[in-house]
Amino acid sequence: MEKALLSFDLDGTLVKPDLVNRFWFEEVPRLFAKNHDLDFDEAVVFVKNRYEEVGSEDIRWYKPEYWFDRFGIDEKPSSIVEGIFHEVSYYQDALDLLEKVSDEHELIVTSNAHRIFLDVQLRDIRDYFSRIFSSVSDMGSVKKDPRVYEKVCEKVGVEPKDMVHIGDNKVFDYESPRELGIRTFLVDRNGGMESSEYVVKDLRKILEKI
């Protein structure tokens, strides 16, 4: 295995979506319902519809401050995230892979997640990584734009060909970085993607490919 810079996506790759799902689909509707005297179920439908109107390729979709302002919520998003820290849970295959590669490779995180999520979700595994990048908070863009990866390479001082990125989204984590010549792999634990040499069902299989 040649020495390389290994870049990891966060949600769905290293970390289970429990915390972000709790934040976006329970905590935000709860606060919206409280502030607008609505039934919780009604608030869930309203909030989800507003999310869908914006869509995940729009940077606003990832910004808690945008949604709190739009929904008239006065609480601090960071306080809400801290309050549900207990929801953080890691994939075992991810932990096993990090343990095996951390001694020989430089590891970073390149995520669409806002910084307030990264700081909480990575707290217990932060020591594995030399740098943490939030495309939304640090670069004002989502990972669909290959320039995000170009900036990451510049900041860590490597050529794209010397970086490997691993994620779970075909557009953000596979197609976009590949445009720069970055080697990419997708983790598909549920078996929903088309079989490929670049798709693994278990992150530990990455050891056979890099």
N, C-alpha and C. Protein backbone atom coordinates (compact mmCIF):
# COMPACT_ATOMS: atom_id res chain seq x y z
N MET A 1 0.85 -1.19 0.00
CA MET A 1 0.00 0.00 0.00
C MET A 1 0.88 1.24 0.00
N GLU A 2 0.77 2.03 -1.05
CA GLU A 2 1.58 3.23 -1.14
C GLU A 2 1.07 4.29 -0.17
N LYS A 3 1.99 5.10 0.31
CA LYS A 3 1.63 6.16 1.24
C LYS A 3 0.81 7.20 0.50
N ALA A 4 -0.31 7.61 1.06
CA ALA A 4 -1.18 8.58 0.41
C ALA A 4 -1.88 9.41 1.48
N LEU A 5 -2.41 10.54 1.05
CA LEU A 5 -3.30 11.33 1.90
C LEU A 5 -4.70 10.75 1.75
N LEU A 6 -5.28 10.32 2.85
CA LEU A 6 -6.62 9.73 2.82
C LEU A 6 -7.63 10.74 3.35
N SER A 7 -8.58 11.09 2.52
CA SER A 7 -9.64 12.03 2.87
C SER A 7 -10.94 11.27 3.06
N PHE A 8 -11.66 11.58 4.14
CA PHE A 8 -12.91 10.89 4.44
C PHE A 8 -14.08 11.87 4.50
N ASP A 9 -15.19 11.47 3.92
CA ASP A 9 -16.46 12.12 4.18
C ASP A 9 -16.86 11.79 5.63
N LEU A 10 -17.86 12.50 6.14
CA LEU A 10 -18.26 12.27 7.53
C LEU A 10 -19.55 11.44 7.63
N ASP A 11 -20.70 12.09 7.44
CA ASP A 11 -21.99 11.44 7.64
C ASP A 11 -22.22 10.33 6.61
N GLY A 12 -22.54 9.16 7.09
CA GLY A 12 -22.77 8.03 6.22
C GLY A 12 -21.51 7.27 5.86
N THR A 13 -20.36 7.84 6.20
CA THR A 13 -19.08 7.20 5.91
C THR A 13 -18.39 6.80 7.21
N LEU A 14 -18.11 7.78 8.05
CA LEU A 14 -17.50 7.51 9.35
C LEU A 14 -18.53 7.45 10.47
N VAL A 15 -19.51 8.32 10.37
CA VAL A 15 -20.46 8.54 11.46
C VAL A 15 -21.88 8.18 11.01
N LYS A 16 -22.58 7.47 11.83
CA LYS A 16 -23.98 7.14 11.53
C LYS A 16 -24.82 8.42 11.56
N PRO A 17 -25.92 8.47 10.81
CA PRO A 17 -26.67 9.73 10.67
C PRO A 17 -27.58 10.05 11.85
N ASP A 18 -27.43 9.37 12.97
CA ASP A 18 -28.36 9.55 14.08
C ASP A 18 -28.43 10.99 14.58
N LEU A 19 -27.27 11.62 14.79
CA LEU A 19 -27.27 12.98 15.33
C LEU A 19 -27.85 13.97 14.34
N VAL A 20 -27.42 13.92 13.08
CA VAL A 20 -27.94 14.91 12.13
C VAL A 20 -29.42 14.70 11.87
N ASN A 21 -29.87 13.45 11.83
CA ASN A 21 -31.30 13.20 11.66
C ASN A 21 -32.09 13.72 12.85
N ARG A 22 -31.56 13.52 14.04
CA ARG A 22 -32.23 14.03 15.25
C ARG A 22 -32.31 15.56 15.20
N PHE A 23 -31.21 16.20 14.78
CA PHE A 23 -31.20 17.67 14.72
C PHE A 23 -32.21 18.19 13.71
N TRP A 24 -32.10 17.72 12.45
CA TRP A 24 -32.90 18.30 11.38
C TRP A 24 -34.37 17.89 11.41
N PHE A 25 -34.65 16.67 11.85
CA PHE A 25 -36.01 16.15 11.72
C PHE A 25 -36.76 16.00 13.03
N GLU A 26 -36.09 16.28 14.15
CA GLU A 26 -36.77 16.28 15.45
C GLU A 26 -36.58 17.60 16.19
N GLU A 27 -35.32 18.02 16.36
CA GLU A 27 -35.07 19.23 17.14
C GLU A 27 -35.57 20.49 16.45
N VAL A 28 -35.27 20.65 15.16
CA VAL A 28 -35.74 21.85 14.45
C VAL A 28 -37.27 21.90 14.40
N PRO A 29 -37.96 20.82 14.02
CA PRO A 29 -39.43 20.88 14.08
C PRO A 29 -39.97 21.14 15.48
N ARG A 30 -39.32 20.55 16.49
CA ARG A 30 -39.78 20.77 17.87
C ARG A 30 -39.71 22.25 18.24
N LEU A 31 -38.58 22.88 17.90
CA LEU A 31 -38.41 24.30 18.22
C LEU A 31 -39.36 25.17 17.40
N PHE A 32 -39.55 24.79 16.14
CA PHE A 32 -40.48 25.53 15.29
C PHE A 32 -41.90 25.42 15.83
N ALA A 33 -42.31 24.21 16.22
CA ALA A 33 -43.65 23.99 16.77
C ALA A 33 -43.85 24.80 18.05
N LYS A 34 -42.82 24.80 18.90
CA LYS A 34 -42.90 25.54 20.17
C LYS A 34 -43.06 27.03 19.93
N ASN A 35 -42.31 27.58 19.00
CA ASN A 35 -42.32 29.02 18.76
C ASN A 35 -43.55 29.48 18.00
N HIS A 36 -44.21 28.57 17.29
CA HIS A 36 -45.35 28.97 16.46
C HIS A 36 -46.64 28.28 16.88
N ASP A 37 -46.62 27.68 18.06
CA ASP A 37 -47.82 27.07 18.64
C ASP A 37 -48.45 26.09 17.66
N LEU A 38 -47.63 25.18 17.14
CA LEU A 38 -48.08 24.18 16.20
C LEU A 38 -47.97 22.79 16.81
N ASP A 39 -48.74 21.86 16.26
CA ASP A 39 -48.58 20.46 16.60
C ASP A 39 -47.24 19.98 16.02
N PHE A 40 -46.56 19.10 16.75
CA PHE A 40 -45.24 18.63 16.30
C PHE A 40 -45.30 17.99 14.92
N ASP A 41 -46.28 17.12 14.69
CA ASP A 41 -46.37 16.44 13.40
C ASP A 41 -46.59 17.44 12.27
N GLU A 42 -47.37 18.46 12.52
CA GLU A 42 -47.57 19.51 11.51
C GLU A 42 -46.26 20.23 11.23
N ALA A 43 -45.50 20.48 12.29
CA ALA A 43 -44.22 21.18 12.13
C ALA A 43 -43.25 20.34 11.33
N VAL A 44 -43.24 19.02 11.56
CA VAL A 44 -42.34 18.13 10.81
C VAL A 44 -42.63 18.23 9.32
N VAL A 45 -43.90 18.17 8.95
CA VAL A 45 -44.27 18.24 7.54
C VAL A 45 -43.86 19.58 6.94
N PHE A 46 -44.12 20.65 7.66
CA PHE A 46 -43.79 21.99 7.17
C PHE A 46 -42.29 22.13 6.96
N VAL A 47 -41.52 21.74 7.98
CA VAL A 47 -40.06 21.88 7.93
C VAL A 47 -39.47 21.04 6.81
N LYS A 48 -39.90 19.80 6.68
CA LYS A 48 -39.38 18.93 5.62
C LYS A 48 -39.66 19.50 4.24
N ASN A 49 -40.83 20.06 4.07
CA ASN A 49 -41.18 20.66 2.78
C ASN A 49 -40.27 21.84 2.45
N ARG A 50 -39.93 22.62 3.48
CA ARG A 50 -39.02 23.76 3.24
C ARG A 50 -37.62 23.25 2.89
N TYR A 51 -37.17 22.20 3.55
CA TYR A 51 -35.87 21.61 3.20
C TYR A 51 -35.85 21.18 1.74
N GLU A 52 -36.91 20.51 1.32
CA GLU A 52 -36.96 19.99 -0.04
C GLU A 52 -36.99 21.11 -1.08
N GLU A 53 -37.59 22.23 -0.72
CA GLU A 53 -37.63 23.37 -1.63
C GLU A 53 -36.22 23.89 -1.94
N VAL A 54 -35.35 23.82 -0.95
CA VAL A 54 -33.97 24.31 -1.11
C VAL A 54 -33.10 23.26 -1.78
N GLY A 55 -33.11 22.03 -1.25
CA GLY A 55 -32.37 20.93 -1.85
C GLY A 55 -30.92 20.85 -1.41
N SER A 56 -30.37 19.64 -1.46
CA SER A 56 -29.05 19.38 -0.88
C SER A 56 -27.88 19.90 -1.71
N GLU A 57 -28.13 20.40 -2.91
CA GLU A 57 -27.05 20.98 -3.71
C GLU A 57 -26.92 22.49 -3.48
N ASP A 58 -27.78 23.03 -2.64
CA ASP A 58 -27.75 24.44 -2.27
C ASP A 58 -27.07 24.57 -0.91
N ILE A 59 -26.11 25.45 -0.80
CA ILE A 59 -25.35 25.59 0.45
C ILE A 59 -26.25 25.94 1.64
N ARG A 60 -27.35 26.62 1.41
CA ARG A 60 -28.25 26.99 2.51
C ARG A 60 -28.80 25.76 3.23
N TRP A 61 -28.92 24.67 2.50
CA TRP A 61 -29.47 23.44 3.06
C TRP A 61 -28.66 22.97 4.27
N TYR A 62 -27.36 23.27 4.29
CA TYR A 62 -26.44 22.79 5.32
C TYR A 62 -26.22 23.77 6.46
N LYS A 63 -26.86 24.94 6.40
CA LYS A 63 -26.58 26.00 7.36
C LYS A 63 -27.66 26.11 8.43
N PRO A 64 -27.39 25.62 9.63
CA PRO A 64 -28.39 25.74 10.70
C PRO A 64 -28.81 27.19 10.95
N GLU A 65 -27.87 28.12 10.84
CA GLU A 65 -28.22 29.52 11.10
C GLU A 65 -29.23 30.05 10.09
N TYR A 66 -29.14 29.59 8.87
CA TYR A 66 -30.11 30.00 7.85
C TYR A 66 -31.51 29.52 8.23
N TRP A 67 -31.61 28.26 8.62
CA TRP A 67 -32.91 27.70 8.95
C TRP A 67 -33.47 28.26 10.24
N PHE A 68 -32.63 28.48 11.23
CA PHE A 68 -33.11 29.05 12.49
C PHE A 68 -33.65 30.46 12.25
N ASP A 69 -32.97 31.22 11.41
CA ASP A 69 -33.46 32.57 11.08
C ASP A 69 -34.76 32.49 10.29
N ARG A 70 -34.81 31.60 9.32
CA ARG A 70 -36.01 31.46 8.48
C ARG A 70 -37.20 31.01 9.28
N PHE A 71 -36.99 30.12 10.26
CA PHE A 71 -38.08 29.57 11.05
C PHE A 71 -38.37 30.37 12.32
N GLY A 72 -37.62 31.45 12.55
CA GLY A 72 -37.85 32.27 13.72
C GLY A 72 -37.49 31.58 15.02
N ILE A 73 -36.42 30.79 15.01
CA ILE A 73 -35.97 30.07 16.20
C ILE A 73 -34.83 30.86 16.85
N ASP A 74 -34.97 31.19 18.13
CA ASP A 74 -34.00 32.04 18.81
C ASP A 74 -32.83 31.29 19.43
N GLU A 75 -32.98 30.02 19.65
CA GLU A 75 -31.91 29.24 20.29
C GLU A 75 -30.67 29.19 19.39
N LYS A 76 -29.51 28.90 20.01
CA LYS A 76 -28.28 28.76 19.25
C LYS A 76 -28.15 27.34 18.70
N PRO A 77 -27.94 27.20 17.40
CA PRO A 77 -27.79 25.85 16.83
C PRO A 77 -26.71 25.03 17.53
N SER A 78 -25.60 25.67 17.87
CA SER A 78 -24.50 24.93 18.49
C SER A 78 -24.92 24.33 19.84
N SER A 79 -25.76 25.04 20.57
CA SER A 79 -26.24 24.52 21.86
C SER A 79 -27.13 23.30 21.67
N ILE A 80 -27.94 23.33 20.63
CA ILE A 80 -28.81 22.20 20.34
C ILE A 80 -27.99 20.98 19.97
N VAL A 81 -26.97 21.18 19.14
CA VAL A 81 -26.11 20.07 18.72
C VAL A 81 -25.38 19.48 19.92
N GLU A 82 -24.86 20.35 20.78
CA GLU A 82 -24.16 19.87 21.99
C GLU A 82 -25.11 19.05 22.86
N GLY A 83 -26.36 19.47 22.90
CA GLY A 83 -27.34 18.79 23.75
C GLY A 83 -27.71 17.41 23.29
N ILE A 84 -27.39 17.08 22.04
CA ILE A 84 -27.70 15.74 21.54
C ILE A 84 -26.42 14.99 21.19
N PHE A 85 -25.34 15.35 21.83
CA PHE A 85 -24.04 14.69 21.60
C PHE A 85 -24.13 13.18 21.79
N HIS A 86 -24.99 12.75 22.70
CA HIS A 86 -25.13 11.32 22.98
C HIS A 86 -25.61 10.52 21.78
N GLU A 87 -26.10 11.20 20.75
CA GLU A 87 -26.56 10.52 19.55
C GLU A 87 -25.42 10.12 18.60
N VAL A 88 -24.21 10.62 18.86
CA VAL A 88 -23.08 10.32 17.98
C VAL A 88 -22.73 8.84 18.06
N SER A 89 -22.63 8.22 16.89
CA SER A 89 -22.29 6.79 16.82
C SER A 89 -21.49 6.54 15.56
N TYR A 90 -20.42 5.75 15.70
CA TYR A 90 -19.51 5.50 14.57
C TYR A 90 -19.73 4.10 14.00
N TYR A 91 -19.48 3.98 12.70
CA TYR A 91 -19.51 2.67 12.07
C TYR A 91 -18.28 1.88 12.51
N GLN A 92 -18.47 0.62 12.88
CA GLN A 92 -17.34 -0.18 13.37
C GLN A 92 -16.30 -0.40 12.29
N ASP A 93 -16.74 -0.60 11.04
CA ASP A 93 -15.75 -0.80 9.97
C ASP A 93 -14.92 0.45 9.75
N ALA A 94 -15.52 1.63 10.00
CA ALA A 94 -14.78 2.88 9.89
C ALA A 94 -13.72 2.98 10.99
N LEU A 95 -14.10 2.64 12.21
CA LEU A 95 -13.15 2.70 13.32
C LEU A 95 -11.99 1.72 13.08
N ASP A 96 -12.31 0.55 12.58
CA ASP A 96 -11.27 -0.45 12.31
C ASP A 96 -10.31 0.04 11.24
N LEU A 97 -10.85 0.66 10.19
CA LEU A 97 -10.00 1.17 9.11
C LEU A 97 -9.10 2.30 9.62
N LEU A 98 -9.67 3.24 10.36
CA LEU A 98 -8.87 4.35 10.88
C LEU A 98 -7.71 3.84 11.73
N GLU A 99 -7.98 2.85 12.55
CA GLU A 99 -6.94 2.30 13.42
C GLU A 99 -5.81 1.68 12.60
N LYS A 100 -6.16 1.03 11.50
CA LYS A 100 -5.17 0.34 10.69
C LYS A 100 -4.33 1.27 9.83
N VAL A 101 -4.92 2.38 9.35
CA VAL A 101 -4.20 3.23 8.40
C VAL A 101 -3.57 4.47 9.03
N SER A 102 -3.93 4.78 10.26
CA SER A 102 -3.51 6.06 10.85
C SER A 102 -2.00 6.17 11.07
N ASP A 103 -1.32 5.06 11.25
CA ASP A 103 0.12 5.11 11.50
C ASP A 103 0.92 5.38 10.23
N GLU A 104 0.41 4.96 9.09
CA GLU A 104 1.18 5.05 7.86
C GLU A 104 0.68 6.12 6.90
N HIS A 105 -0.49 6.67 7.13
CA HIS A 105 -1.06 7.64 6.21
C HIS A 105 -1.54 8.88 6.96
N GLU A 106 -1.50 10.01 6.27
CA GLU A 106 -2.10 11.23 6.82
C GLU A 106 -3.59 11.18 6.52
N LEU A 107 -4.41 11.42 7.53
CA LEU A 107 -5.85 11.35 7.38
C LEU A 107 -6.48 12.73 7.59
N ILE A 108 -7.45 13.06 6.73
CA ILE A 108 -8.20 14.30 6.88
C ILE A 108 -9.68 14.00 6.69
N VAL A 109 -10.51 14.97 7.04
CA VAL A 109 -11.95 14.89 6.77
C VAL A 109 -12.31 16.01 5.81
N THR A 110 -13.07 15.66 4.76
CA THR A 110 -13.59 16.65 3.82
C THR A 110 -15.09 16.43 3.72
N SER A 111 -15.85 17.32 4.33
CA SER A 111 -17.29 17.09 4.50
C SER A 111 -18.12 18.31 4.10
N ASN A 112 -19.36 18.06 3.70
CA ASN A 112 -20.32 19.14 3.51
C ASN A 112 -20.87 19.65 4.84
N ALA A 113 -20.71 18.88 5.89
CA ALA A 113 -21.32 19.22 7.17
C ALA A 113 -20.80 20.55 7.71
N HIS A 114 -21.69 21.30 8.31
CA HIS A 114 -21.33 22.56 8.95
C HIS A 114 -20.36 22.29 10.10
N ARG A 115 -19.54 23.26 10.38
CA ARG A 115 -18.51 23.11 11.40
C ARG A 115 -19.08 22.71 12.77
N ILE A 116 -20.26 23.19 13.11
CA ILE A 116 -20.79 22.86 14.44
C ILE A 116 -21.09 21.37 14.58
N PHE A 117 -21.40 20.71 13.46
CA PHE A 117 -21.59 19.26 13.50
C PHE A 117 -20.24 18.54 13.55
N LEU A 118 -19.31 18.99 12.74
CA LEU A 118 -17.99 18.35 12.70
C LEU A 118 -17.34 18.36 14.08
N ASP A 119 -17.39 19.50 14.74
CA ASP A 119 -16.73 19.62 16.04
C ASP A 119 -17.28 18.63 17.06
N VAL A 120 -18.58 18.37 17.00
CA VAL A 120 -19.21 17.46 17.95
C VAL A 120 -19.06 16.00 17.51
N GLN A 121 -19.33 15.73 16.25
CA GLN A 121 -19.33 14.34 15.78
C GLN A 121 -17.94 13.72 15.74
N LEU A 122 -16.93 14.53 15.55
CA LEU A 122 -15.57 14.00 15.47
C LEU A 122 -14.83 14.04 16.80
N ARG A 123 -15.47 14.50 17.83
CA ARG A 123 -14.79 14.74 19.10
C ARG A 123 -14.04 13.50 19.60
N ASP A 124 -14.65 12.35 19.51
CA ASP A 124 -14.04 11.15 20.08
C ASP A 124 -13.02 10.49 19.15
N ILE A 125 -12.95 10.93 17.89
CA ILE A 125 -11.97 10.34 16.96
C ILE A 125 -11.10 11.42 16.32
N ARG A 126 -11.12 12.61 16.89
CA ARG A 126 -10.41 13.75 16.31
C ARG A 126 -8.91 13.51 16.14
N ASP A 127 -8.33 12.74 17.03
CA ASP A 127 -6.87 12.55 17.01
C ASP A 127 -6.38 11.78 15.78
N TYR A 128 -7.27 11.12 15.08
CA TYR A 128 -6.85 10.42 13.87
C TYR A 128 -6.51 11.38 12.72
N PHE A 129 -7.04 12.60 12.77
CA PHE A 129 -7.01 13.48 11.61
C PHE A 129 -6.12 14.70 11.81
N SER A 130 -5.34 14.99 10.77
CA SER A 130 -4.47 16.16 10.83
C SER A 130 -5.22 17.45 10.51
N ARG A 131 -6.23 17.37 9.64
CA ARG A 131 -7.01 18.53 9.26
C ARG A 131 -8.47 18.13 9.10
N ILE A 132 -9.36 19.08 9.39
CA ILE A 132 -10.80 18.89 9.23
C ILE A 132 -11.32 20.01 8.35
N PHE A 133 -11.96 19.66 7.25
CA PHE A 133 -12.47 20.67 6.33
C PHE A 133 -13.99 20.57 6.20
N SER A 134 -14.66 21.69 6.45
CA SER A 134 -16.08 21.82 6.15
C SER A 134 -16.19 22.66 4.89
N SER A 135 -16.66 22.07 3.80
CA SER A 135 -16.77 22.83 2.56
C SER A 135 -17.74 24.00 2.74
N VAL A 136 -18.77 23.80 3.53
CA VAL A 136 -19.78 24.85 3.75
C VAL A 136 -19.21 25.98 4.61
N SER A 137 -18.60 25.64 5.74
CA SER A 137 -18.11 26.66 6.66
C SER A 137 -16.79 27.28 6.22
N ASP A 138 -15.92 26.48 5.61
CA ASP A 138 -14.56 26.94 5.29
C ASP A 138 -14.43 27.49 3.87
N MET A 139 -15.26 27.00 2.95
CA MET A 139 -15.06 27.34 1.54
C MET A 139 -16.29 27.91 0.85
N GLY A 140 -17.39 27.97 1.59
CA GLY A 140 -18.59 28.58 1.03
C GLY A 140 -19.16 27.85 -0.16
N SER A 141 -19.06 26.52 -0.16
CA SER A 141 -19.54 25.74 -1.29
C SER A 141 -19.86 24.34 -0.83
N VAL A 142 -20.56 23.58 -1.69
CA VAL A 142 -20.80 22.17 -1.42
C VAL A 142 -19.84 21.35 -2.28
N LYS A 143 -19.67 20.09 -1.93
CA LYS A 143 -18.64 19.27 -2.58
C LYS A 143 -18.96 18.89 -4.02
N LYS A 144 -20.12 19.29 -4.53
CA LYS A 144 -20.39 19.06 -5.95
C LYS A 144 -19.40 19.84 -6.80
N ASP A 145 -18.90 20.94 -6.26
CA ASP A 145 -17.93 21.79 -6.96
C ASP A 145 -16.52 21.22 -6.76
N PRO A 146 -15.86 20.76 -7.82
CA PRO A 146 -14.52 20.19 -7.68
C PRO A 146 -13.50 21.14 -7.08
N ARG A 147 -13.80 22.45 -7.14
CA ARG A 147 -12.85 23.42 -6.57
C ARG A 147 -12.71 23.26 -5.07
N VAL A 148 -13.71 22.66 -4.43
CA VAL A 148 -13.58 22.36 -3.00
C VAL A 148 -12.39 21.44 -2.78
N TYR A 149 -12.30 20.39 -3.56
CA TYR A 149 -11.20 19.44 -3.42
C TYR A 149 -9.88 20.06 -3.86
N GLU A 150 -9.94 20.92 -4.84
CA GLU A 150 -8.73 21.61 -5.28
C GLU A 150 -8.16 22.46 -4.14
N LYS A 151 -9.05 23.16 -3.42
CA LYS A 151 -8.61 23.98 -2.29
C LYS A 151 -8.06 23.12 -1.17
N VAL A 152 -8.68 21.98 -0.93
CA VAL A 152 -8.19 21.07 0.11
C VAL A 152 -6.78 20.62 -0.22
N CYS A 153 -6.56 20.23 -1.46
CA CYS A 153 -5.22 19.79 -1.88
C CYS A 153 -4.20 20.90 -1.68
N GLU A 154 -4.58 22.12 -2.04
CA GLU A 154 -3.68 23.26 -1.87
C GLU A 154 -3.34 23.48 -0.40
N LYS A 155 -4.36 23.38 0.46
CA LYS A 155 -4.15 23.66 1.88
C LYS A 155 -3.28 22.61 2.57
N VAL A 156 -3.37 21.36 2.11
CA VAL A 156 -2.55 20.32 2.73
C VAL A 156 -1.26 20.07 1.96
N GLY A 157 -1.12 20.73 0.81
CA GLY A 157 0.14 20.67 0.07
C GLY A 157 0.39 19.38 -0.67
N VAL A 158 -0.66 18.83 -1.31
CA VAL A 158 -0.48 17.61 -2.11
C VAL A 158 -1.09 17.81 -3.49
N GLU A 159 -0.61 17.03 -4.44
CA GLU A 159 -1.22 16.99 -5.77
C GLU A 159 -2.45 16.09 -5.71
N PRO A 160 -3.48 16.39 -6.50
CA PRO A 160 -4.68 15.54 -6.49
C PRO A 160 -4.39 14.05 -6.69
N LYS A 161 -3.39 13.73 -7.50
CA LYS A 161 -3.07 12.31 -7.77
C LYS A 161 -2.56 11.59 -6.52
N ASP A 162 -2.13 12.36 -5.52
CA ASP A 162 -1.60 11.76 -4.30
C ASP A 162 -2.62 11.72 -3.17
N MET A 163 -3.87 11.98 -3.51
CA MET A 163 -4.94 11.98 -2.52
C MET A 163 -5.97 10.91 -2.87
N VAL A 164 -6.51 10.27 -1.85
CA VAL A 164 -7.61 9.32 -1.99
C VAL A 164 -8.77 9.85 -1.17
N HIS A 165 -9.96 9.91 -1.78
CA HIS A 165 -11.15 10.35 -1.03
C HIS A 165 -12.14 9.21 -0.94
N ILE A 166 -12.73 9.07 0.24
CA ILE A 166 -13.65 7.97 0.51
C ILE A 166 -14.94 8.55 1.07
N GLY A 167 -16.07 8.22 0.45
CA GLY A 167 -17.35 8.75 0.91
C GLY A 167 -18.50 7.85 0.53
N ASP A 168 -19.72 8.39 0.62
CA ASP A 168 -20.90 7.56 0.33
C ASP A 168 -21.85 8.19 -0.67
N ASN A 169 -21.49 9.36 -1.23
CA ASN A 169 -22.36 10.05 -2.18
C ASN A 169 -21.71 10.06 -3.56
N LYS A 170 -22.43 9.53 -4.55
CA LYS A 170 -21.84 9.36 -5.88
C LYS A 170 -21.41 10.68 -6.50
N VAL A 171 -22.18 11.73 -6.29
CA VAL A 171 -21.85 13.04 -6.88
C VAL A 171 -20.78 13.74 -6.06
N PHE A 172 -21.02 13.92 -4.77
CA PHE A 172 -20.13 14.70 -3.91
C PHE A 172 -18.79 14.02 -3.65
N ASP A 173 -18.82 12.70 -3.49
CA ASP A 173 -17.63 11.98 -3.04
C ASP A 173 -16.94 11.15 -4.12
N TYR A 174 -17.57 11.03 -5.28
CA TYR A 174 -16.99 10.21 -6.34
C TYR A 174 -16.75 11.03 -7.61
N GLU A 175 -17.82 11.53 -8.21
CA GLU A 175 -17.69 12.23 -9.49
C GLU A 175 -16.91 13.53 -9.36
N SER A 176 -17.20 14.32 -8.33
CA SER A 176 -16.56 15.63 -8.18
C SER A 176 -15.05 15.53 -7.99
N PRO A 177 -14.55 14.76 -7.01
CA PRO A 177 -13.09 14.68 -6.84
C PRO A 177 -12.39 14.00 -8.01
N ARG A 178 -13.07 13.07 -8.68
CA ARG A 178 -12.45 12.39 -9.82
C ARG A 178 -12.15 13.35 -10.97
N GLU A 179 -12.90 14.43 -11.06
CA GLU A 179 -12.63 15.42 -12.10
C GLU A 179 -11.24 16.03 -11.96
N LEU A 180 -10.70 15.99 -10.74
CA LEU A 180 -9.36 16.54 -10.49
C LEU A 180 -8.28 15.47 -10.57
N GLY A 181 -8.67 14.24 -10.74
CA GLY A 181 -7.68 13.16 -10.75
C GLY A 181 -7.46 12.52 -9.40
N ILE A 182 -8.33 12.81 -8.44
CA ILE A 182 -8.26 12.19 -7.12
C ILE A 182 -8.84 10.78 -7.20
N ARG A 183 -8.15 9.81 -6.61
CA ARG A 183 -8.70 8.46 -6.52
C ARG A 183 -9.85 8.46 -5.52
N THR A 184 -10.95 7.85 -5.89
CA THR A 184 -12.13 7.90 -5.04
C THR A 184 -12.73 6.51 -4.85
N PHE A 185 -13.29 6.30 -3.68
CA PHE A 185 -14.00 5.06 -3.38
C PHE A 185 -15.30 5.40 -2.65
N LEU A 186 -16.31 4.58 -2.90
CA LEU A 186 -17.60 4.76 -2.26
C LEU A 186 -17.90 3.59 -1.33
N VAL A 187 -18.43 3.89 -0.16
CA VAL A 187 -18.90 2.84 0.73
C VAL A 187 -20.41 2.73 0.56
N ASP A 188 -20.85 1.51 0.35
CA ASP A 188 -22.27 1.23 0.12
C ASP A 188 -22.68 0.05 1.00
N ARG A 189 -22.94 0.33 2.26
CA ARG A 189 -23.21 -0.73 3.22
C ARG A 189 -24.55 -1.42 2.97
N ASN A 190 -25.48 -0.72 2.32
CA ASN A 190 -26.82 -1.28 2.10
C ASN A 190 -26.98 -1.96 0.75
N GLY A 191 -25.94 -1.91 -0.08
CA GLY A 191 -25.99 -2.61 -1.36
C GLY A 191 -26.88 -1.97 -2.41
N GLY A 192 -27.06 -0.66 -2.35
CA GLY A 192 -27.94 0.01 -3.30
C GLY A 192 -27.25 0.51 -4.56
N MET A 193 -25.93 0.50 -4.58
CA MET A 193 -25.19 1.02 -5.73
C MET A 193 -24.79 -0.09 -6.69
N GLU A 194 -24.56 0.30 -7.92
CA GLU A 194 -24.09 -0.65 -8.92
C GLU A 194 -22.70 -1.14 -8.55
N SER A 195 -22.48 -2.43 -8.69
CA SER A 195 -21.19 -3.01 -8.34
C SER A 195 -20.06 -2.42 -9.17
N SER A 196 -18.93 -2.14 -8.53
CA SER A 196 -17.80 -1.53 -9.21
C SER A 196 -16.55 -1.76 -8.37
N GLU A 197 -15.39 -1.68 -9.02
CA GLU A 197 -14.15 -1.81 -8.27
C GLU A 197 -13.95 -0.65 -7.31
N TYR A 198 -14.73 0.42 -7.48
CA TYR A 198 -14.61 1.59 -6.62
C TYR A 198 -15.66 1.63 -5.52
N VAL A 199 -16.47 0.59 -5.44
CA VAL A 199 -17.53 0.52 -4.43
C VAL A 199 -17.24 -0.64 -3.47
N VAL A 200 -17.30 -0.35 -2.17
CA VAL A 200 -17.11 -1.38 -1.15
C VAL A 200 -18.29 -1.38 -0.20
N LYS A 201 -18.62 -2.54 0.34
CA LYS A 201 -19.71 -2.63 1.31
C LYS A 201 -19.20 -2.51 2.74
N ASP A 202 -17.90 -2.59 2.89
CA ASP A 202 -17.27 -2.54 4.21
C ASP A 202 -15.99 -1.72 4.05
N LEU A 203 -15.82 -0.69 4.86
CA LEU A 203 -14.66 0.18 4.71
C LEU A 203 -13.33 -0.55 4.90
N ARG A 204 -13.35 -1.66 5.61
CA ARG A 204 -12.11 -2.40 5.80
C ARG A 204 -11.57 -2.94 4.48
N LYS A 205 -12.45 -3.07 3.48
CA LYS A 205 -12.04 -3.54 2.16
C LYS A 205 -11.17 -2.51 1.43
N ILE A 206 -11.21 -1.26 1.90
CA ILE A 206 -10.38 -0.21 1.30
C ILE A 206 -8.90 -0.59 1.38
N LEU A 207 -8.53 -1.33 2.41
CA LEU A 207 -7.14 -1.73 2.59
C LEU A 207 -6.62 -2.53 1.39
N GLU A 208 -7.49 -3.20 0.70
CA GLU A 208 -7.10 -4.00 -0.45
C GLU A 208 -6.95 -3.17 -1.72
N LYS A 209 -7.38 -1.91 -1.66
CA LYS A 209 -7.48 -1.11 -2.88
C LYS A 209 -6.54 0.09 -2.93
N ILE A 210 -6.02 0.52 -1.79
CA ILE A 210 -5.18 1.73 -1.80
C ILE A 210 -3.71 1.36 -1.60
